[in-house]
Amino acid sequence: MNVKKTWFSAGQILLTLIVVVVAAVVLWRIVNYYMFSPWTRDGRVRADVIQVAPDVGGLITDVEVVDNQPVKKGQVLFVIDQARYSLALRLAQAALENRQAALAQARREYARNLTLGNLVASETLEESRTKVDQGEAAVADAEVQVDTAKLNLQRTTIVSPVDGYLNDRAPRVGEYVTAGRAELSVVDMHSFRVDGYFEETRLHGIHIGQPVEITVMGEPKPLRGHVQSIVAAIEDRDRQQSPNLLPNVNPAFSWVRLAQRVPVRVALDEVPDDFRMIAGRTATVAVRTEENDKQKPQAGAAAGASSTGNSVSASGAVAATNASVAPVMASGASQ
């Protein structure tokens, strides 16, 4: 009986040690993953937004698009009243014809003076030649005015600079637009990307070209991409420029220093046809590394054990961040 009790006690102790060791390893891997692995819930879908401003001013006479409409490069967006610019073109053409006639007269006089030879004073000959040169310059100036008038007339038709989507407010007929002032914007459909804002403690595992998994909030399937670039500088909010150009460093220092967020740009490799790409959507971004892949099963299992708390935390944090997805978060906490 004593031998059996001894073996039973030893078995209990050994089992307890095994459980403690396994729990410690799993806990360490979870802490390492959530604290140092290169992934973030702070990601956002980005795209280039081109502000369309007319080069000439006037009343809008025709609008060819509606709010949020997809457009092609070169497609007409709206037309500005062309009457004034048509008149300006006719005026410039009339001035050109007038100067061409004056030039023709100056050339005839100069040719006649040359044929007269010594009967015409050299001073008169030089003056007639000067009139020809001045007439040629005046004609060149008038031709520029005609080309400018044609360009202004052409610019009354506003076209889309890129393939993309309009903003949610297209101009209306009868509105007066001013030259150089943006009237609408177009989201470039070929410029969509993901910006992930990683804590500086996680940058050691991020390199250009690494594969990335992006889970956009509200989408069941993750997107694939790769690291395109890492920003070279971020703003130092503790340092300002003083009036005498000396460094002005904020003396306040808290004991707990939050890690800075560093933007990492992710290029999308593939986007499903049914995916609704909207700039500004939030997501989780995870950079795929060998260490990350090894830790994924343990982190996923642990996240499953506390799925309720983690899922709430993931959805809450992702809502305030950008569109990028982590492979582990896709199978664990974010789902």
C-alpha atoms as a PDB file:
ATOM      1  CA  MET A   1       0.000   0.000   0.000  1.00  0.00           C
ATOM      2  CA  ASN A   2       2.820   2.428   0.865  1.00  0.00           C
ATOM      3  CA  VAL A   3       4.501   1.706  -2.488  1.00  0.00           C
ATOM      4  CA  LYS A   4       1.255   2.350  -4.367  1.00  0.00           C
ATOM      5  CA  LYS A   5       0.678   5.592  -2.453  1.00  0.00           C
ATOM      6  CA  THR A   6       4.235   6.698  -3.195  1.00  0.00           C
ATOM      7  CA  TRP A   7       3.856   6.012  -6.917  1.00  0.00           C
ATOM      8  CA  PHE A   8       0.465   7.713  -6.940  1.00  0.00           C
ATOM      9  CA  SER A   9       1.883  10.821  -5.229  1.00  0.00           C
ATOM     10  CA  ALA A  10       4.863  10.864  -7.587  1.00  0.00           C
ATOM     11  CA  GLY A  11       2.507  10.577 -10.565  1.00  0.00           C
ATOM     12  CA  GLN A  12       0.427  13.473  -9.298  1.00  0.00           C
ATOM     13  CA  ILE A  13       3.525  15.617  -8.820  1.00  0.00           C
ATOM     14  CA  LEU A  14       4.856  14.723 -12.276  1.00  0.00           C
ATOM     15  CA  LEU A  15       1.507  15.436 -13.898  1.00  0.00           C
ATOM     16  CA  THR A  16       1.284  18.752 -12.096  1.00  0.00           C
ATOM     17  CA  LEU A  17       4.781  19.700 -13.265  1.00  0.00           C
ATOM     18  CA  ILE A  18       3.943  18.765 -16.859  1.00  0.00           C
ATOM     19  CA  VAL A  19       0.759  20.845 -16.765  1.00  0.00           C
ATOM     20  CA  VAL A  20       2.632  23.802 -15.266  1.00  0.00           C
ATOM     21  CA  VAL A  21       5.411  23.586 -17.869  1.00  0.00           C
ATOM     22  CA  VAL A  22       2.950  23.298 -20.778  1.00  0.00           C
ATOM     23  CA  ALA A  23       0.899  26.200 -19.422  1.00  0.00           C
ATOM     24  CA  ALA A  24       4.045  28.304 -18.983  1.00  0.00           C
ATOM     25  CA  VAL A  25       5.189  27.574 -22.556  1.00  0.00           C
ATOM     26  CA  VAL A  26       1.763  28.336 -24.000  1.00  0.00           C
ATOM     27  CA  LEU A  27       1.513  31.521 -21.906  1.00  0.00           C
ATOM     28  CA  TRP A  28       4.967  32.653 -23.027  1.00  0.00           C
ATOM     29  CA  ARG A  29       4.123  32.061 -26.675  1.00  0.00           C
ATOM     30  CA  ILE A  30       0.847  33.943 -26.332  1.00  0.00           C
ATOM     31  CA  VAL A  31       2.543  36.884 -24.613  1.00  0.00           C
ATOM     32  CA  ASN A  32       5.338  36.890 -27.189  1.00  0.00           C
ATOM     33  CA  TYR A  33       2.850  36.819 -30.051  1.00  0.00           C
ATOM     34  CA  TYR A  34       0.531  39.529 -28.761  1.00  0.00           C
ATOM     35  CA  MET A  35       3.381  41.766 -27.548  1.00  0.00           C
ATOM     36  CA  PHE A  36       6.158  41.387 -30.124  1.00  0.00           C
ATOM     37  CA  SER A  37       4.923  39.588 -33.256  1.00  0.00           C
ATOM     38  CA  PRO A  38       4.574  41.825 -36.354  1.00  0.00           C
ATOM     39  CA  TRP A  39       0.814  42.270 -36.539  1.00  0.00           C
ATOM     40  CA  THR A  40      -1.567  45.082 -35.697  1.00  0.00           C
ATOM     41  CA  ARG A  41      -5.277  45.763 -35.554  1.00  0.00           C
ATOM     42  CA  ASP A  42      -4.515  49.381 -36.485  1.00  0.00           C
ATOM     43  CA  GLY A  43      -4.773  49.275 -40.274  1.00  0.00           C
ATOM     44  CA  ARG A  44      -6.752  51.125 -42.893  1.00  0.00           C
ATOM     45  CA  VAL A  45      -7.536  50.800 -46.578  1.00  0.00           C
ATOM     46  CA  ARG A  46      -6.065  53.744 -48.470  1.00  0.00           C
ATOM     47  CA  ALA A  47      -6.352  55.101 -52.000  1.00  0.00           C
ATOM     48  CA  ASP A  48      -5.245  58.167 -53.939  1.00  0.00           C
ATOM     49  CA  VAL A  49      -7.961  60.808 -54.088  1.00  0.00           C
ATOM     50  CA  ILE A  50      -7.612  63.266 -56.992  1.00  0.00           C
ATOM     51  CA  GLN A  51      -9.329  66.604 -56.510  1.00  0.00           C
ATOM     52  CA  VAL A  52     -10.760  67.809 -59.817  1.00  0.00           C
ATOM     53  CA  ALA A  53     -10.631  71.578 -60.226  1.00  0.00           C
ATOM     54  CA  PRO A  54     -11.606  73.407 -63.450  1.00  0.00           C
ATOM     55  CA  ASP A  55      -8.918  75.436 -65.208  1.00  0.00           C
ATOM     56  CA  VAL A  56     -11.492  78.071 -66.208  1.00  0.00           C
ATOM     57  CA  GLY A  57     -14.450  79.584 -64.401  1.00  0.00           C
ATOM     58  CA  GLY A  58     -18.095  79.893 -65.337  1.00  0.00           C
ATOM     59  CA  LEU A  59     -21.581  78.474 -64.957  1.00  0.00           C
ATOM     60  CA  ILE A  60     -22.093  74.720 -65.234  1.00  0.00           C
ATOM     61  CA  THR A  61     -24.366  73.971 -68.176  1.00  0.00           C
ATOM     62  CA  ASP A  62     -24.244  70.174 -68.230  1.00  0.00           C
ATOM     63  CA  VAL A  63     -23.417  67.399 -65.746  1.00  0.00           C
ATOM     64  CA  GLU A  64     -22.753  63.929 -67.150  1.00  0.00           C
ATOM     65  CA  VAL A  65     -22.292  61.990 -63.885  1.00  0.00           C
ATOM     66  CA  VAL A  66     -24.055  61.282 -60.595  1.00  0.00           C
ATOM     67  CA  ASP A  67     -22.855  60.813 -57.045  1.00  0.00           C
ATOM     68  CA  ASN A  68     -20.612  57.786 -56.333  1.00  0.00           C
ATOM     69  CA  GLN A  69     -20.559  56.775 -59.994  1.00  0.00           C
ATOM     70  CA  PRO A  70     -17.636  54.732 -61.376  1.00  0.00           C
ATOM     71  CA  VAL A  71     -15.898  56.631 -64.189  1.00  0.00           C
ATOM     72  CA  LYS A  72     -13.216  55.935 -66.787  1.00  0.00           C
ATOM     73  CA  LYS A  73     -10.179  58.046 -67.548  1.00  0.00           C
ATOM     74  CA  GLY A  74     -11.158  60.781 -70.011  1.00  0.00           C
ATOM     75  CA  GLN A  75     -14.898  60.459 -69.346  1.00  0.00           C
ATOM     76  CA  VAL A  76     -16.747  63.788 -69.330  1.00  0.00           C
ATOM     77  CA  LEU A  77     -17.779  64.878 -65.835  1.00  0.00           C
ATOM     78  CA  PHE A  78     -19.375  68.287 -66.441  1.00  0.00           C
ATOM     79  CA  VAL A  79     -19.298  71.162 -68.915  1.00  0.00           C
ATOM     80  CA  ILE A  80     -18.838  74.882 -68.212  1.00  0.00           C
ATOM     81  CA  ASP A  81     -20.694  77.521 -70.251  1.00  0.00           C
ATOM     82  CA  GLN A  82     -18.724  77.817 -73.513  1.00  0.00           C
ATOM     83  CA  ALA A  83     -20.303  80.986 -74.985  1.00  0.00           C
ATOM     84  CA  ARG A  84     -17.812  83.448 -73.484  1.00  0.00           C
ATOM     85  CA  TYR A  85     -14.820  81.310 -74.446  1.00  0.00           C
ATOM     86  CA  SER A  86     -16.129  80.849 -78.000  1.00  0.00           C
ATOM     87  CA  LEU A  87     -16.342  84.635 -78.346  1.00  0.00           C
ATOM     88  CA  ALA A  88     -12.815  85.010 -76.964  1.00  0.00           C
ATOM     89  CA  LEU A  89     -11.590  82.540 -79.598  1.00  0.00           C
ATOM     90  CA  ARG A  90     -13.303  84.465 -82.402  1.00  0.00           C
ATOM     91  CA  LEU A  91     -11.778  87.708 -81.128  1.00  0.00           C
ATOM     92  CA  ALA A  92      -8.301  86.160 -81.049  1.00  0.00           C
ATOM     93  CA  GLN A  93      -8.738  84.786 -84.574  1.00  0.00           C
ATOM     94  CA  ALA A  94      -9.840  88.222 -85.837  1.00  0.00           C
ATOM     95  CA  ALA A  95      -6.777  89.835 -84.251  1.00  0.00           C
ATOM     96  CA  LEU A  96      -4.588  87.218 -85.922  1.00  0.00           C
ATOM     97  CA  GLU A  97      -6.091  87.941 -89.332  1.00  0.00           C
ATOM     98  CA  ASN A  98      -5.576  91.670 -88.816  1.00  0.00           C
ATOM     99  CA  ARG A  99      -1.903  91.229 -87.963  1.00  0.00           C
ATOM    100  CA  GLN A 100      -1.386  88.812 -90.832  1.00  0.00           C
ATOM    101  CA  ALA A 101      -2.754  91.481 -93.200  1.00  0.00           C
ATOM    102  CA  ALA A 102      -0.413  94.093 -91.719  1.00  0.00           C
ATOM    103  CA  LEU A 103       2.517  91.719 -92.108  1.00  0.00           C
ATOM    104  CA  ALA A 104       1.627  91.054 -95.732  1.00  0.00           C
ATOM    105  CA  GLN A 105       1.554  94.816 -96.414  1.00  0.00           C
ATOM    106  CA  ALA A 106       4.932  95.302 -94.705  1.00  0.00           C
ATOM    107  CA  ARG A 107       6.461  92.520 -96.796  1.00  0.00           C
ATOM    108  CA  ARG A 108       5.155  94.058-100.038  1.00  0.00           C
ATOM    109  CA  GLU A 109       6.627  97.437 -99.126  1.00  0.00           C
ATOM    110  CA  TYR A 110       9.981  95.890 -98.252  1.00  0.00           C
ATOM    111  CA  ALA A 111      10.041  93.902-101.532  1.00  0.00           C
ATOM    112  CA  ARG A 112       9.198  97.068-103.536  1.00  0.00           C
ATOM    113  CA  ASN A 113      11.973  99.025-101.821  1.00  0.00           C
ATOM    114  CA  LEU A 114      14.459  96.302-102.660  1.00  0.00           C
ATOM    115  CA  THR A 115      13.538  96.426-106.352  1.00  0.00           C
ATOM    116  CA  LEU A 116      14.012 100.213-106.475  1.00  0.00           C
ATOM    117  CA  GLY A 117      17.658  99.870-105.507  1.00  0.00           C
ATOM    118  CA  ASN A 118      19.505 103.189-105.096  1.00  0.00           C
ATOM    119  CA  LEU A 119      16.305 105.180-105.590  1.00  0.00           C
ATOM    120  CA  VAL A 120      15.338 104.373-101.979  1.00  0.00           C
ATOM    121  CA  ALA A 121      17.396 105.616 -99.078  1.00  0.00           C
ATOM    122  CA  SER A 122      19.064 102.954 -96.956  1.00  0.00           C
ATOM    123  CA  GLU A 123      17.281 104.336 -93.891  1.00  0.00           C
ATOM    124  CA  THR A 124      13.898 103.792 -95.536  1.00  0.00           C
ATOM    125  CA  LEU A 125      14.902 100.266 -96.501  1.00  0.00           C
ATOM    126  CA  GLU A 126      15.895  99.495 -92.906  1.00  0.00           C
ATOM    127  CA  GLU A 127      12.600 100.885 -91.628  1.00  0.00           C
ATOM    128  CA  SER A 128      10.621  98.693 -94.007  1.00  0.00           C
ATOM    129  CA  ARG A 129      12.628  95.670 -92.908  1.00  0.00           C
ATOM    130  CA  THR A 130      11.939  96.534 -89.261  1.00  0.00           C
ATOM    131  CA  LYS A 131       8.222  96.702 -90.016  1.00  0.00           C
ATOM    132  CA  VAL A 132       8.386  93.179 -91.423  1.00  0.00           C
ATOM    133  CA  ASP A 133      10.142  91.884 -88.300  1.00  0.00           C
ATOM    134  CA  GLN A 134       7.625  93.615 -86.052  1.00  0.00           C
ATOM    135  CA  GLY A 135       4.751  92.233 -88.096  1.00  0.00           C
ATOM    136  CA  GLU A 136       6.107  88.684 -87.807  1.00  0.00           C
ATOM    137  CA  ALA A 137       6.412  89.075 -84.027  1.00  0.00           C
ATOM    138  CA  ALA A 138       2.865  90.463 -83.835  1.00  0.00           C
ATOM    139  CA  VAL A 139       1.534  87.512 -85.843  1.00  0.00           C
ATOM    140  CA  ALA A 140       3.364  85.054 -83.561  1.00  0.00           C
ATOM    141  CA  ASP A 141       1.821  86.781 -80.527  1.00  0.00           C
ATOM    142  CA  ALA A 142      -1.643  86.596 -82.086  1.00  0.00           C
ATOM    143  CA  GLU A 143      -1.181  82.890 -82.829  1.00  0.00           C
ATOM    144  CA  VAL A 144      -0.398  82.309 -79.142  1.00  0.00           C
ATOM    145  CA  GLN A 145      -3.568  84.188 -78.213  1.00  0.00           C
ATOM    146  CA  VAL A 146      -5.587  81.982 -80.553  1.00  0.00           C
ATOM    147  CA  ASP A 147      -4.047  78.818 -79.105  1.00  0.00           C
ATOM    148  CA  THR A 148      -4.771  80.072 -75.571  1.00  0.00           C
ATOM    149  CA  ALA A 149      -8.387  80.782 -76.475  1.00  0.00           C
ATOM    150  CA  LYS A 150      -8.708  77.304 -77.989  1.00  0.00           C
ATOM    151  CA  LEU A 151      -7.205  75.779 -74.865  1.00  0.00           C
ATOM    152  CA  ASN A 152      -9.610  77.695 -72.597  1.00  0.00           C
ATOM    153  CA  LEU A 153     -12.531  76.543 -74.731  1.00  0.00           C
ATOM    154  CA  GLN A 154     -11.297  72.965 -74.531  1.00  0.00           C
ATOM    155  CA  ARG A 155     -10.870  73.218 -70.761  1.00  0.00           C
ATOM    156  CA  THR A 156     -14.556  74.037 -70.334  1.00  0.00           C
ATOM    157  CA  THR A 157     -15.166  70.295 -70.670  1.00  0.00           C
ATOM    158  CA  ILE A 158     -13.988  68.664 -67.436  1.00  0.00           C
ATOM    159  CA  VAL A 159     -12.974  64.999 -67.755  1.00  0.00           C
ATOM    160  CA  SER A 160     -11.913  62.364 -65.232  1.00  0.00           C
ATOM    161  CA  PRO A 161      -8.114  62.172 -64.817  1.00  0.00           C
ATOM    162  CA  VAL A 162      -8.137  58.480 -63.776  1.00  0.00           C
ATOM    163  CA  ASP A 163     -10.275  55.362 -63.619  1.00  0.00           C
ATOM    164  CA  GLY A 164     -12.108  55.481 -60.335  1.00  0.00           C
ATOM    165  CA  TYR A 165     -15.160  56.476 -58.350  1.00  0.00           C
ATOM    166  CA  LEU A 166     -16.690  59.897 -57.773  1.00  0.00           C
ATOM    167  CA  ASN A 167     -17.237  61.310 -54.337  1.00  0.00           C
ATOM    168  CA  ASP A 168     -20.719  61.542 -52.874  1.00  0.00           C
ATOM    169  CA  ARG A 169     -21.507  64.995 -54.244  1.00  0.00           C
ATOM    170  CA  ALA A 170     -21.267  65.730 -57.953  1.00  0.00           C
ATOM    171  CA  PRO A 171     -21.713  69.357 -59.110  1.00  0.00           C
ATOM    172  CA  ARG A 172     -25.138  70.597 -60.165  1.00  0.00           C
ATOM    173  CA  VAL A 173     -26.289  72.442 -63.272  1.00  0.00           C
ATOM    174  CA  GLY A 174     -26.375  76.206 -62.703  1.00  0.00           C
ATOM    175  CA  GLU A 175     -23.595  76.297 -60.117  1.00  0.00           C
ATOM    176  CA  TYR A 176     -20.762  78.750 -60.701  1.00  0.00           C
ATOM    177  CA  VAL A 177     -17.293  77.236 -60.515  1.00  0.00           C
ATOM    178  CA  THR A 178     -14.061  79.128 -59.994  1.00  0.00           C
ATOM    179  CA  ALA A 179     -10.817  78.300 -61.741  1.00  0.00           C
ATOM    180  CA  GLY A 180      -8.455  76.384 -59.471  1.00  0.00           C
ATOM    181  CA  ARG A 181     -11.077  75.467 -56.880  1.00  0.00           C
ATOM    182  CA  ALA A 182     -11.826  71.746 -56.497  1.00  0.00           C
ATOM    183  CA  GLU A 183     -15.441  70.883 -57.264  1.00  0.00           C
ATOM    184  CA  LEU A 184     -15.328  67.101 -56.872  1.00  0.00           C
ATOM    185  CA  SER A 185     -12.894  64.283 -56.220  1.00  0.00           C
ATOM    186  CA  VAL A 186     -12.196  60.946 -57.854  1.00  0.00           C
ATOM    187  CA  VAL A 187     -10.873  57.902 -55.974  1.00  0.00           C
ATOM    188  CA  ASP A 188      -8.270  56.169 -58.140  1.00  0.00           C
ATOM    189  CA  MET A 189      -9.360  52.521 -58.363  1.00  0.00           C
ATOM    190  CA  HIS A 190      -5.837  51.388 -59.248  1.00  0.00           C
ATOM    191  CA  SER A 191      -4.229  52.910 -56.152  1.00  0.00           C
ATOM    192  CA  PHE A 192      -5.893  50.906 -53.365  1.00  0.00           C
ATOM    193  CA  ARG A 193      -3.489  49.713 -50.713  1.00  0.00           C
ATOM    194  CA  VAL A 194      -3.359  49.090 -46.973  1.00  0.00           C
ATOM    195  CA  ASP A 195      -1.486  51.132 -44.380  1.00  0.00           C
ATOM    196  CA  GLY A 196      -0.731  49.256 -41.172  1.00  0.00           C
ATOM    197  CA  TYR A 197       0.365  51.264 -38.141  1.00  0.00           C
ATOM    198  CA  PHE A 198       2.758  49.003 -36.245  1.00  0.00           C
ATOM    199  CA  GLU A 199       4.154  49.664 -32.812  1.00  0.00           C
ATOM    200  CA  GLU A 200       7.877  50.326 -32.943  1.00  0.00           C
ATOM    201  CA  THR A 201       8.502  47.254 -30.744  1.00  0.00           C
ATOM    202  CA  ARG A 202       7.203  45.034 -33.595  1.00  0.00           C
ATOM    203  CA  LEU A 203       9.248  46.435 -36.480  1.00  0.00           C
ATOM    204  CA  HIS A 204      12.154  44.013 -36.055  1.00  0.00           C
ATOM    205  CA  GLY A 205      10.245  41.280 -37.902  1.00  0.00           C
ATOM    206  CA  ILE A 206       9.075  43.426 -40.836  1.00  0.00           C
ATOM    207  CA  HIS A 207      11.021  43.649 -44.107  1.00  0.00           C
ATOM    208  CA  ILE A 208      10.289  44.812 -47.637  1.00  0.00           C
ATOM    209  CA  GLY A 209       8.619  42.115 -49.731  1.00  0.00           C
ATOM    210  CA  GLN A 210       7.347  39.967 -46.855  1.00  0.00           C
ATOM    211  CA  PRO A 211       3.908  38.388 -47.401  1.00  0.00           C
ATOM    212  CA  VAL A 212       1.057  39.945 -45.480  1.00  0.00           C
ATOM    213  CA  GLU A 213      -2.407  38.728 -44.592  1.00  0.00           C
ATOM    214  CA  ILE A 214      -5.120  41.370 -44.296  1.00  0.00           C
ATOM    215  CA  THR A 215      -8.488  40.842 -42.640  1.00  0.00           C
ATOM    216  CA  VAL A 216     -10.842  43.699 -43.404  1.00  0.00           C
ATOM    217  CA  MET A 217     -13.488  44.281 -40.779  1.00  0.00           C
ATOM    218  CA  GLY A 218     -16.769  42.682 -41.817  1.00  0.00           C
ATOM    219  CA  GLU A 219     -15.235  40.479 -44.526  1.00  0.00           C
ATOM    220  CA  PRO A 220     -15.089  36.690 -44.047  1.00  0.00           C
ATOM    221  CA  LYS A 221     -12.040  36.050 -46.240  1.00  0.00           C
ATOM    222  CA  PRO A 222      -8.606  37.630 -45.784  1.00  0.00           C
ATOM    223  CA  LEU A 223      -6.705  39.457 -48.518  1.00  0.00           C
ATOM    224  CA  ARG A 224      -3.132  38.759 -49.567  1.00  0.00           C
ATOM    225  CA  GLY A 225      -0.427  41.358 -50.008  1.00  0.00           C
ATOM    226  CA  HIS A 226       3.214  42.162 -49.385  1.00  0.00           C
ATOM    227  CA  VAL A 227       5.175  44.853 -47.580  1.00  0.00           C
ATOM    228  CA  GLN A 228       5.831  47.633 -50.084  1.00  0.00           C
ATOM    229  CA  SER A 229       7.543  50.254 -47.933  1.00  0.00           C
ATOM    230  CA  ILE A 230       8.217  51.393 -44.382  1.00  0.00           C
ATOM    231  CA  VAL A 231       8.031  55.072 -43.564  1.00  0.00           C
ATOM    232  CA  ALA A 232      11.399  56.764 -42.973  1.00  0.00           C
ATOM    233  CA  ALA A 233      10.237  59.350 -40.405  1.00  0.00           C
ATOM    234  CA  ILE A 234       7.373  60.187 -38.071  1.00  0.00           C
ATOM    235  CA  GLU A 235       6.552  63.413 -36.249  1.00  0.00           C
ATOM    236  CA  ASP A 236       8.240  64.033 -32.877  1.00  0.00           C
ATOM    237  CA  ARG A 237       5.457  65.626 -30.855  1.00  0.00           C
ATOM    238  CA  ASP A 238       7.727  66.203 -27.844  1.00  0.00           C
ATOM    239  CA  ARG A 239       9.955  68.594 -29.776  1.00  0.00           C
ATOM    240  CA  GLN A 240       8.983  71.918 -31.318  1.00  0.00           C
ATOM    241  CA  GLN A 241      10.826  74.727 -33.042  1.00  0.00           C
ATOM    242  CA  SER A 242      11.380  77.729 -30.798  1.00  0.00           C
ATOM    243  CA  PRO A 243      11.377  81.362 -32.053  1.00  0.00           C
ATOM    244  CA  ASN A 244      15.182  81.547 -31.753  1.00  0.00           C
ATOM    245  CA  LEU A 245      15.571  78.285 -33.750  1.00  0.00           C
ATOM    246  CA  LEU A 246      16.747  76.292 -30.717  1.00  0.00           C
ATOM    247  CA  PRO A 247      15.313  72.872 -29.822  1.00  0.00           C
ATOM    248  CA  ASN A 248      12.276  73.165 -27.566  1.00  0.00           C
ATOM    249  CA  VAL A 249      11.806  69.775 -25.894  1.00  0.00           C
ATOM    250  CA  ASN A 250       8.731  69.092 -23.783  1.00  0.00           C
ATOM    251  CA  PRO A 251       9.964  68.424 -20.199  1.00  0.00           C
ATOM    252  CA  ALA A 252       6.948  66.261 -19.338  1.00  0.00           C
ATOM    253  CA  PHE A 253       7.815  62.573 -19.159  1.00  0.00           C
ATOM    254  CA  SER A 254       5.395  59.895 -18.063  1.00  0.00           C
ATOM    255  CA  TRP A 255       6.647  56.693 -16.448  1.00  0.00           C
ATOM    256  CA  VAL A 256       4.725  54.600 -18.924  1.00  0.00           C
ATOM    257  CA  ARG A 257       5.836  55.423 -22.462  1.00  0.00           C
ATOM    258  CA  LEU A 258       3.531  54.254 -25.238  1.00  0.00           C
ATOM    259  CA  ALA A 259       5.212  52.790 -28.285  1.00  0.00           C
ATOM    260  CA  GLN A 260       5.144  55.005 -31.345  1.00  0.00           C
ATOM    261  CA  ARG A 261       3.067  53.890 -34.326  1.00  0.00           C
ATOM    262  CA  VAL A 262       5.057  53.527 -37.554  1.00  0.00           C
ATOM    263  CA  PRO A 263       3.158  53.332 -40.882  1.00  0.00           C
ATOM    264  CA  VAL A 264       3.930  50.334 -43.084  1.00  0.00           C
ATOM    265  CA  ARG A 265       2.482  50.316 -46.612  1.00  0.00           C
ATOM    266  CA  VAL A 266       1.128  47.020 -47.924  1.00  0.00           C
ATOM    267  CA  ALA A 267       0.490  46.429 -51.625  1.00  0.00           C
ATOM    268  CA  LEU A 268      -2.436  44.145 -52.435  1.00  0.00           C
ATOM    269  CA  ASP A 269      -1.556  41.041 -54.455  1.00  0.00           C
ATOM    270  CA  GLU A 270      -5.063  39.769 -55.090  1.00  0.00           C
ATOM    271  CA  VAL A 271      -8.531  41.140 -54.456  1.00  0.00           C
ATOM    272  CA  PRO A 272     -11.671  39.015 -55.004  1.00  0.00           C
ATOM    273  CA  ASP A 273     -14.181  40.348 -57.515  1.00  0.00           C
ATOM    274  CA  ASP A 274     -16.925  40.423 -54.894  1.00  0.00           C
ATOM    275  CA  PHE A 275     -14.817  42.364 -52.374  1.00  0.00           C
ATOM    276  CA  ARG A 276     -16.129  45.878 -51.722  1.00  0.00           C
ATOM    277  CA  MET A 277     -13.028  48.047 -51.747  1.00  0.00           C
ATOM    278  CA  ILE A 278     -13.706  51.273 -49.837  1.00  0.00           C
ATOM    279  CA  ALA A 279     -10.946  53.617 -48.737  1.00  0.00           C
ATOM    280  CA  GLY A 280     -11.052  54.106 -44.981  1.00  0.00           C
ATOM    281  CA  ARG A 281     -12.209  50.605 -44.014  1.00  0.00           C
ATOM    282  CA  THR A 282     -10.513  49.155 -40.952  1.00  0.00           C
ATOM    283  CA  ALA A 283      -8.692  45.860 -40.701  1.00  0.00           C
ATOM    284  CA  THR A 284      -6.044  43.750 -39.036  1.00  0.00           C
ATOM    285  CA  VAL A 285      -2.643  43.398 -40.693  1.00  0.00           C
ATOM    286  CA  ALA A 286      -0.255  40.531 -40.018  1.00  0.00           C
ATOM    287  CA  VAL A 287       3.185  40.096 -41.572  1.00  0.00           C
ATOM    288  CA  ARG A 288       3.922  36.423 -42.214  1.00  0.00           C
ATOM    289  CA  THR A 289       7.186  35.216 -40.681  1.00  0.00           C
ATOM    290  CA  GLU A 290       8.513  31.740 -39.842  1.00  0.00           C
ATOM    291  CA  GLU A 291       8.321  32.470 -36.130  1.00  0.00           C
ATOM    292  CA  ASN A 292       4.811  33.831 -36.574  1.00  0.00           C
ATOM    293  CA  ASP A 293       3.698  30.659 -38.362  1.00  0.00           C
ATOM    294  CA  LYS A 294       5.145  28.449 -35.615  1.00  0.00           C
ATOM    295  CA  GLN A 295       3.338  30.389 -32.901  1.00  0.00           C
ATOM    296  CA  LYS A 296       0.034  30.467 -34.748  1.00  0.00           C
ATOM    297  CA  PRO A 297      -1.391  27.133 -33.461  1.00  0.00           C
ATOM    298  CA  GLN A 298      -0.634  27.887 -29.814  1.00  0.00           C
ATOM    299  CA  ALA A 299      -1.939  31.438 -30.029  1.00  0.00           C
ATOM    300  CA  GLY A 300      -5.044  30.299 -31.855  1.00  0.00           C
ATOM    301  CA  ALA A 301      -5.814  27.631 -29.277  1.00  0.00           C
ATOM    302  CA  ALA A 302      -5.361  30.041 -26.432  1.00  0.00           C
ATOM    303  CA  ALA A 303      -7.523  32.634 -28.173  1.00  0.00           C
ATOM    304  CA  GLY A 304     -10.221  29.980 -28.603  1.00  0.00           C
ATOM    305  CA  ALA A 305     -10.203  29.283 -24.880  1.00  0.00           C
ATOM    306  CA  SER A 306     -11.151  32.910 -24.232  1.00  0.00           C
ATOM    307  CA  SER A 307     -13.000  33.547 -27.459  1.00  0.00           C
ATOM    308  CA  THR A 308     -15.661  35.823 -25.986  1.00  0.00           C
ATOM    309  CA  GLY A 309     -13.311  38.390 -24.484  1.00  0.00           C
ATOM    310  CA  ASN A 310     -10.874  38.315 -27.376  1.00  0.00           C
ATOM    311  CA  SER A 311     -13.512  38.627 -30.065  1.00  0.00           C
ATOM    312  CA  VAL A 312     -15.007  41.672 -28.399  1.00  0.00           C
ATOM    313  CA  SER A 313     -11.567  43.206 -27.998  1.00  0.00           C
ATOM    314  CA  ALA A 314     -10.661  42.487 -31.592  1.00  0.00           C
ATOM    315  CA  SER A 315     -13.801  44.005 -33.036  1.00  0.00           C
ATOM    316  CA  GLY A 316     -13.524  47.059 -30.818  1.00  0.00           C
ATOM    317  CA  ALA A 317      -9.895  47.690 -31.654  1.00  0.00           C
ATOM    318  CA  VAL A 318     -10.203  47.019 -35.337  1.00  0.00           C
ATOM    319  CA  ALA A 319     -13.041  49.517 -35.621  1.00  0.00           C
ATOM    320  CA  ALA A 320     -10.622  52.313 -34.770  1.00  0.00           C
ATOM    321  CA  THR A 321      -7.857  51.173 -37.094  1.00  0.00           C
ATOM    322  CA  ASN A 322      -6.973  50.354 -40.707  1.00  0.00           C
ATOM    323  CA  ALA A 323      -7.607  47.678 -43.287  1.00  0.00           C
ATOM    324  CA  SER A 324      -5.051  44.928 -42.930  1.00  0.00           C
ATOM    325  CA  VAL A 325      -5.326  41.406 -41.582  1.00  0.00           C
ATOM    326  CA  ALA A 326      -3.220  39.075 -39.515  1.00  0.00           C
ATOM    327  CA  PRO A 327      -3.120  35.386 -40.333  1.00  0.00           C
ATOM    328  CA  VAL A 328      -3.435  34.461 -36.694  1.00  0.00           C
ATOM    329  CA  MET A 329      -6.129  37.002 -36.009  1.00  0.00           C
ATOM    330  CA  ALA A 330      -8.115  35.654 -38.946  1.00  0.00           C
ATOM    331  CA  SER A 331      -8.323  32.234 -37.323  1.00  0.00           C
ATOM    332  CA  GLY A 332      -8.195  33.323 -33.715  1.00  0.00           C
ATOM    333  CA  ALA A 333      -9.195  36.493 -31.961  1.00  0.00           C
ATOM    334  CA  SER A 334     -10.502  38.606 -34.873  1.00  0.00           C
ATOM    335  CA  GLN A 335     -13.003  35.991 -35.880  1.00  0.00           C
END
